[in-house]
């Protein structure tokens, strides 16, 4: 068993000696720093922490953390993470993936990790493009995206990562923005959750998809286009002048004006992060008049996959004595006798 007693560390203790190599201005730098600032607040140990990635720009991440790590193959980080967690459930496992790695070739693996509820944190960097392979459109690229692989504009609709996670049975779903001050708080909430924590991070690709999120991330637009959710608090934004209410007829969320700060009279909803139906509405709000939902959108803990496996194995082995020879000899076995060499 690993010693899980909280320890004191500094952000510098989590920085490896490797040169950080992303394009200048890439949002990955901000996410890396946010994680390195967050880890000391969690009281965890570097030697008990593992970062696992697949393939993509985001997947360089394990090299830059002074922890254990695996840079695996395209889309298969969830499979490796499952093996790591089952082999040593005490390890603190983080999965670093991107919209291409985690939702294209790795979509199947991500789905099953979420439905199984492995205790880990999944950080999905979403820049709506394939950056490492030079700008092809990705599963989250918007319809009409022009790229080397879609020179006339993509014709298929994009995957909504948080809607995908909820549909796969995720018990924790959150969103953040690469450069936002609230991102460390989202990481802390994800780590505190026991089970699979899915965090989508809007990450700017300065080379191939620059400013794609500007309509809601630009400083002058942020207040009116972002609603940061907090459990038990009203869903207010734009300095408290607007809020989200339920349109009972359409079974959807609508934007309402809040007069004189009386959000109750305006019908503004109080955020209940255990309400999956409202969570689905929050992650599928149409762009335009509606804000982007950020923070912890849904959280409802359930037994973890590895705890169920460990319990099952304990029941299966109860009262039994380990005997490798008996296991090898079980069933149809035979002895091959040595025969004399033919002359």
Protein backbone atom coordinates (compact mmCIF):
# COMPACT_ATOMS: atom_id res chain seq x y z
CA UNK A 1 0.00 0.00 0.00
CA UNK A 2 1.25 3.49 -0.84
CA UNK A 3 1.46 6.13 1.87
CA UNK A 4 -1.47 8.45 1.07
CA UNK A 5 -0.75 10.91 3.90
CA UNK A 6 -0.99 14.48 2.51
CA UNK A 7 2.41 16.01 1.82
CA UNK A 8 3.68 19.53 1.26
CA UNK A 9 5.11 20.40 -2.14
CA UNK A 10 5.61 23.39 -4.42
CA UNK A 11 4.72 23.82 -8.10
CA UNK A 12 8.44 23.56 -8.92
CA UNK A 13 8.48 20.05 -7.44
CA UNK A 14 6.13 18.93 -10.20
CA UNK A 15 8.18 20.31 -13.09
CA UNK A 16 10.44 17.84 -14.89
CA UNK A 17 13.85 18.71 -16.37
CA UNK A 18 12.53 18.33 -19.92
CA UNK A 19 12.30 21.33 -22.25
CA UNK A 20 8.63 22.14 -22.83
CA UNK A 21 8.10 22.06 -26.58
CA UNK A 22 4.80 23.31 -27.93
CA UNK A 23 4.19 26.07 -30.44
CA UNK A 24 4.72 29.52 -28.88
CA UNK A 25 1.35 30.74 -27.61
CA UNK A 26 -0.23 27.27 -27.48
CA UNK A 27 -2.91 26.85 -24.81
CA UNK A 28 -1.18 23.68 -23.62
CA UNK A 29 1.36 25.81 -21.74
CA UNK A 30 -1.39 27.37 -19.63
CA UNK A 31 -2.95 23.97 -18.86
CA UNK A 32 0.43 22.54 -17.84
CA UNK A 33 1.05 25.43 -15.47
CA UNK A 34 -2.46 25.14 -14.06
CA UNK A 35 -1.86 21.47 -13.25
CA UNK A 36 1.55 22.16 -11.71
CA UNK A 37 0.00 24.87 -9.54
CA UNK A 38 -2.87 22.55 -8.55
CA UNK A 39 -0.89 19.48 -7.49
CA UNK A 40 0.56 21.01 -4.27
CA UNK A 41 -2.95 21.95 -3.17
CA UNK A 42 -4.03 18.31 -3.49
CA UNK A 43 -1.42 17.13 -0.98
CA UNK A 44 -0.49 14.19 -3.21
CA UNK A 45 2.91 12.62 -3.81
CA UNK A 46 4.74 12.69 -7.16
CA UNK A 47 5.84 9.09 -6.66
CA UNK A 48 2.19 8.03 -6.29
CA UNK A 49 1.02 9.96 -9.36
CA UNK A 50 0.87 8.77 -12.97
CA UNK A 51 0.13 10.80 -16.10
CA UNK A 52 -0.90 8.73 -19.12
CA UNK A 53 -1.38 10.05 -22.63
CA UNK A 54 -2.05 8.82 -26.14
CA UNK A 55 -0.88 10.60 -29.29
CA UNK A 56 -1.22 14.29 -30.11
CA UNK A 57 0.11 17.67 -29.04
CA UNK A 58 -1.44 17.26 -25.59
CA UNK A 59 0.21 13.86 -25.23
CA UNK A 60 3.64 15.38 -24.59
CA UNK A 61 2.28 16.21 -21.14
CA UNK A 62 3.78 13.27 -19.17
CA UNK A 63 7.31 14.33 -20.12
CA UNK A 64 6.84 17.67 -18.39
CA UNK A 65 5.53 16.34 -15.07
CA UNK A 66 7.93 15.11 -12.38
CA UNK A 67 5.85 11.98 -11.84
CA UNK A 68 5.55 8.54 -13.34
CA UNK A 69 4.09 8.58 -16.82
CA UNK A 70 3.27 6.68 -19.99
CA UNK A 71 3.21 8.14 -23.50
CA UNK A 72 1.16 5.38 -25.11
CA UNK A 73 -0.37 4.79 -28.55
CA UNK A 74 -3.14 6.62 -30.34
CA UNK A 75 -6.41 6.49 -28.43
CA UNK A 76 -5.33 3.75 -26.03
CA UNK A 77 -4.48 5.77 -22.92
CA UNK A 78 -7.72 4.64 -21.19
CA UNK A 79 -6.77 0.98 -21.66
CA UNK A 80 -3.30 1.52 -20.20
CA UNK A 81 -4.75 3.59 -17.36
CA UNK A 82 -7.17 0.78 -16.54
CA UNK A 83 -4.28 -1.67 -16.27
CA UNK A 84 -2.29 0.70 -14.08
CA UNK A 85 -5.21 1.33 -11.72
CA UNK A 86 -6.09 -2.35 -11.40
CA UNK A 87 -2.46 -3.26 -10.73
CA UNK A 88 -2.11 -0.57 -8.05
CA UNK A 89 -5.41 1.06 -7.02
CA UNK A 90 -3.60 3.48 -4.69
CA UNK A 91 -2.00 5.33 -7.60
CA UNK A 92 -3.40 8.72 -8.59
CA UNK A 93 -4.04 8.36 -12.32
CA UNK A 94 -4.48 11.25 -14.77
CA UNK A 95 -5.29 10.73 -18.45
CA UNK A 96 -4.25 13.46 -20.89
CA UNK A 97 -5.94 13.32 -24.27
CA UNK A 98 -7.24 15.49 -27.09
CA UNK A 99 -10.34 15.72 -29.25
CA UNK A 100 -8.73 13.56 -31.93
CA UNK A 101 -6.96 11.07 -29.67
CA UNK A 102 -9.86 10.62 -27.24
CA UNK A 103 -12.91 10.94 -29.49
CA UNK A 104 -11.82 9.49 -32.83
CA UNK A 105 -9.59 6.41 -32.73
CA UNK A 106 -9.90 6.41 -28.94
CA UNK A 107 -13.62 7.09 -28.71
CA UNK A 108 -14.44 3.46 -27.95
CA UNK A 109 -11.84 3.30 -25.16
CA UNK A 110 -13.00 6.58 -23.65
CA UNK A 111 -16.62 5.38 -23.67
CA UNK A 112 -15.85 2.16 -21.82
CA UNK A 113 -13.61 3.82 -19.24
CA UNK A 114 -16.41 6.26 -18.43
CA UNK A 115 -19.14 3.64 -18.18
CA UNK A 116 -16.90 1.45 -16.00
CA UNK A 117 -16.18 4.43 -13.74
CA UNK A 118 -12.46 3.87 -13.24
CA UNK A 119 -11.14 6.20 -10.55
CA UNK A 120 -9.06 8.64 -12.60
CA UNK A 121 -9.06 12.15 -14.03
CA UNK A 122 -9.54 12.53 -17.81
CA UNK A 123 -8.44 15.89 -19.18
CA UNK A 124 -9.55 16.27 -22.79
CA UNK A 125 -7.88 19.20 -24.55
CA UNK A 126 -10.35 20.35 -27.20
CA UNK A 127 -8.96 22.65 -29.90
CA UNK A 128 -11.35 21.39 -32.60
CA UNK A 129 -8.48 20.44 -34.92
CA UNK A 130 -5.67 17.92 -35.43
CA UNK A 131 -2.64 20.04 -34.51
CA UNK A 132 0.17 17.46 -34.42
CA UNK A 133 -0.54 16.18 -37.94
CA UNK A 134 -0.81 19.65 -39.41
CA UNK A 135 -4.36 20.90 -39.19
CA UNK A 136 -6.80 18.27 -40.44
CA UNK A 137 -10.35 18.54 -39.13
CA UNK A 138 -11.17 16.56 -35.99
CA UNK A 139 -14.31 14.95 -34.50
CA UNK A 140 -15.13 18.25 -32.74
CA UNK A 141 -14.52 20.55 -35.72
CA UNK A 142 -17.55 22.61 -36.63
CA UNK A 143 -19.50 21.97 -39.80
CA UNK A 144 -17.90 23.91 -42.63
CA UNK A 145 -14.36 23.80 -41.18
CA UNK A 146 -11.82 24.14 -43.98
CA UNK A 147 -8.69 22.08 -43.49
CA UNK A 148 -6.20 20.00 -45.54
CA UNK A 149 -8.57 17.04 -45.21
CA UNK A 150 -11.73 19.11 -45.86
CA UNK A 151 -10.68 21.77 -48.40
CA UNK A 152 -14.31 22.57 -49.26
CA UNK A 153 -15.47 22.53 -45.63
CA UNK A 154 -16.44 19.59 -43.41
CA UNK A 155 -19.96 18.32 -43.91
CA UNK A 156 -20.42 16.20 -40.78
CA UNK A 157 -21.66 17.50 -37.47
CA UNK A 158 -19.20 17.73 -34.55
CA UNK A 159 -19.05 15.58 -31.44
CA UNK A 160 -20.03 17.37 -28.23
CA UNK A 161 -17.47 15.98 -25.74
CA UNK A 162 -19.51 16.60 -22.58
CA UNK A 163 -22.70 15.24 -24.15
CA UNK A 164 -20.69 12.18 -25.21
CA UNK A 165 -19.40 11.73 -21.66
CA UNK A 166 -22.88 12.00 -20.14
CA UNK A 167 -24.21 9.55 -22.72
CA UNK A 168 -21.45 7.11 -21.83
CA UNK A 169 -22.53 7.19 -18.19
CA UNK A 170 -19.87 9.53 -16.77
CA UNK A 171 -20.44 10.41 -13.12
CA UNK A 172 -18.43 13.66 -13.24
CA UNK A 173 -18.46 16.10 -16.16
CA UNK A 174 -16.88 19.55 -16.17
CA UNK A 175 -15.59 22.20 -18.55
CA UNK A 176 -12.83 24.79 -18.38
CA UNK A 177 -10.80 27.18 -20.51
CA UNK A 178 -7.03 26.89 -20.91
CA UNK A 179 -6.15 30.39 -19.66
CA UNK A 180 -8.98 30.92 -17.17
CA UNK A 181 -8.20 31.50 -13.50
CA UNK A 182 -10.93 29.02 -12.49
CA UNK A 183 -9.26 26.04 -14.19
CA UNK A 184 -7.29 24.89 -11.08
CA UNK A 185 -10.57 24.82 -9.14
CA UNK A 186 -12.07 22.51 -11.77
CA UNK A 187 -9.04 20.22 -11.47
CA UNK A 188 -9.41 20.10 -7.68
CA UNK A 189 -13.08 19.15 -7.95
CA UNK A 190 -12.25 16.44 -10.49
CA UNK A 191 -9.56 15.01 -8.23
CA UNK A 192 -11.83 15.03 -5.17
CA UNK A 193 -14.44 12.97 -7.05
CA UNK A 194 -14.10 9.21 -6.60
CA UNK A 195 -14.59 7.67 -10.03
CA UNK A 196 -13.99 8.76 -13.61
CA UNK A 197 -13.82 12.57 -13.79
CA UNK A 198 -14.18 13.95 -17.33
CA UNK A 199 -12.96 17.51 -17.91
CA UNK A 200 -13.20 19.15 -21.32
CA UNK A 201 -10.77 22.06 -21.69
CA UNK A 202 -11.21 24.59 -24.47
CA UNK A 203 -7.63 24.94 -25.72
CA UNK A 204 -6.52 27.39 -28.37
CA UNK A 205 -4.39 26.06 -31.27
CA UNK A 206 -2.61 29.22 -32.31
CA UNK A 207 -1.32 27.74 -35.60
CA UNK A 208 -4.19 25.78 -37.14
CA UNK A 209 -7.37 26.98 -35.41
CA UNK A 210 -6.51 30.26 -33.75
CA UNK A 211 -9.29 32.14 -31.92
CA UNK A 212 -11.96 29.54 -32.69
CA UNK A 213 -13.28 30.06 -29.15
CA UNK A 214 -12.85 33.85 -29.18
CA UNK A 215 -16.63 34.53 -29.33
CA UNK A 216 -16.86 33.45 -25.68
CA UNK A 217 -13.27 33.60 -24.40
CA UNK A 218 -12.33 37.17 -25.41
CA UNK A 219 -12.20 39.43 -22.37
CA UNK A 220 -14.86 41.79 -23.69
CA UNK A 221 -17.21 38.87 -24.42
CA UNK A 222 -16.51 36.59 -21.45
CA UNK A 223 -19.00 37.95 -18.91
CA UNK A 224 -21.92 37.79 -21.33
CA UNK A 225 -20.98 34.45 -22.89
CA UNK A 226 -19.80 32.34 -19.94
CA UNK A 227 -21.82 30.94 -17.07
CA UNK A 228 -19.62 29.45 -14.35
CA UNK A 229 -21.64 26.92 -12.41
CA UNK A 230 -21.47 26.34 -8.68
CA UNK A 231 -23.52 23.76 -6.82
CA UNK A 232 -26.33 25.38 -4.84
CA UNK A 233 -25.89 28.76 -6.50
CA UNK A 234 -28.14 30.45 -9.11
CA UNK A 235 -27.11 30.15 -12.76
CA UNK A 236 -26.27 33.80 -13.27
CA UNK A 237 -23.95 35.48 -15.78
CA UNK A 238 -23.26 38.85 -17.37
CA UNK A 239 -22.60 40.39 -13.97
CA UNK A 240 -25.84 38.97 -12.56
CA UNK A 241 -27.95 40.74 -15.16
CA UNK A 242 -28.95 37.49 -16.86
CA UNK A 243 -29.62 33.94 -15.85
CA UNK A 244 -30.76 30.54 -17.05
CA UNK A 245 -34.34 29.39 -16.48
CA UNK A 246 -36.29 26.35 -17.57
CA UNK A 247 -38.54 26.66 -20.60
CA UNK A 248 -41.12 24.06 -19.55
CA UNK A 249 -42.82 23.98 -22.93
CA UNK A 250 -39.63 23.38 -24.92
CA UNK A 251 -37.96 21.32 -22.16
CA UNK A 252 -34.84 23.41 -22.62
CA UNK A 253 -32.96 26.22 -20.92
CA UNK A 254 -33.68 29.82 -21.78
CA UNK A 255 -31.92 33.09 -21.02
CA UNK A 256 -33.86 35.51 -18.81
CA UNK A 257 -33.17 39.06 -17.69
CA UNK A 258 -32.72 39.62 -13.96
CA UNK A 259 -34.25 42.88 -12.82
CA UNK A 260 -32.96 44.48 -9.65
CA UNK A 261 -30.97 41.39 -8.73
CA UNK A 262 -34.14 39.39 -8.01
CA UNK A 263 -33.10 36.16 -9.70
CA UNK A 264 -35.83 34.15 -7.97
CA UNK A 265 -38.55 36.31 -9.51
CA UNK A 266 -36.90 35.81 -12.91
CA UNK A 267 -37.13 32.04 -12.47
CA UNK A 268 -33.37 31.47 -12.55
CA UNK A 269 -32.44 27.90 -11.74
CA UNK A 270 -30.19 26.96 -8.83
CA UNK A 271 -27.44 24.65 -10.03
CA UNK A 272 -27.85 21.07 -8.83
CA UNK A 273 -24.83 19.14 -10.07
CA UNK A 274 -26.59 15.82 -9.35
CA UNK A 275 -29.35 16.55 -11.90
CA UNK A 276 -28.41 14.68 -15.08
CA UNK A 277 -31.35 16.03 -17.11
CA UNK A 278 -30.37 19.65 -16.48
CA UNK A 279 -26.73 18.72 -17.11
CA UNK A 280 -27.70 17.47 -20.57
CA UNK A 281 -29.46 20.76 -21.25
CA UNK A 282 -26.43 22.73 -20.06
CA UNK A 283 -23.95 20.97 -22.34
CA UNK A 284 -26.21 21.14 -25.40
CA UNK A 285 -27.29 24.79 -25.20
CA UNK A 286 -27.16 26.34 -28.68
CA UNK A 287 -24.52 28.96 -29.36
CA UNK A 288 -25.60 32.54 -29.85
CA UNK A 289 -27.92 33.92 -27.20
CA UNK A 290 -27.02 31.15 -24.74
CA UNK A 291 -23.80 31.23 -22.72
CA UNK A 292 -21.26 28.40 -22.52
CA UNK A 293 -21.64 26.30 -19.35
CA UNK A 294 -18.37 26.00 -17.42
CA UNK A 295 -17.23 24.51 -14.13
CA UNK A 296 -18.63 21.31 -12.63
CA UNK A 297 -21.71 20.52 -14.71
CA UNK A 298 -22.59 17.09 -13.31
CA UNK A 299 -21.41 15.02 -10.38
CA UNK A 300 -23.01 11.96 -8.84
CA UNK A 301 -20.56 9.45 -7.31
CA UNK A 302 -20.96 5.71 -7.76
CA UNK A 303 -18.82 2.64 -6.90
CA UNK A 304 -15.61 2.55 -8.92
CA UNK A 305 -14.58 -0.14 -11.37
CA UNK A 306 -11.38 -1.13 -9.59
CA UNK A 307 -13.12 -1.40 -6.20
CA UNK A 308 -15.70 -3.78 -7.71
CA UNK A 309 -12.95 -5.90 -9.31
CA UNK A 310 -10.98 -6.07 -6.06
CA UNK A 311 -14.10 -7.03 -4.09
CA UNK A 312 -15.03 -9.69 -6.64
CA UNK A 313 -11.52 -11.18 -6.57
CA UNK A 314 -11.56 -11.23 -2.77
CA UNK A 315 -14.86 -13.16 -2.74
CA UNK A 316 -13.63 -15.58 -5.38
CA UNK A 317 -10.44 -16.36 -3.44
CA UNK A 318 -12.01 -16.52 0.01
CA UNK A 319 -11.03 -19.71 1.82
CA UNK A 320 -8.77 -20.84 -0.99
CA UNK A 321 -5.06 -21.49 -0.77
CA UNK A 322 -2.92 -20.33 -3.70
CA UNK A 323 -1.51 -23.36 -5.50
CA UNK A 324 0.12 -22.68 -8.86
CA UNK A 325 0.85 -26.34 -9.53
CA UNK A 326 -2.78 -27.28 -8.94
CA UNK A 327 -3.88 -24.52 -11.30
CA UNK A 328 -1.51 -25.72 -14.03
CA UNK A 329 -2.59 -29.32 -13.59
CA UNK A 330 -6.31 -28.55 -13.59
CA UNK A 331 -8.39 -29.90 -16.46
CA UNK A 332 -7.06 -31.96 -19.32
CA UNK A 333 -3.36 -32.43 -18.74
CA UNK A 334 -0.91 -35.10 -19.79
CA UNK A 335 2.74 -35.95 -19.41
CA UNK A 336 4.97 -36.25 -22.45
CA UNK A 337 7.41 -39.04 -21.72
CA UNK A 338 10.91 -38.82 -23.17
CA UNK A 339 11.27 -41.23 -26.04
CA UNK A 340 14.56 -42.76 -27.18
CA UNK A 341 16.06 -41.14 -30.24
CA UNK A 342 15.30 -43.00 -33.42
CA UNK A 343 18.34 -44.55 -35.11
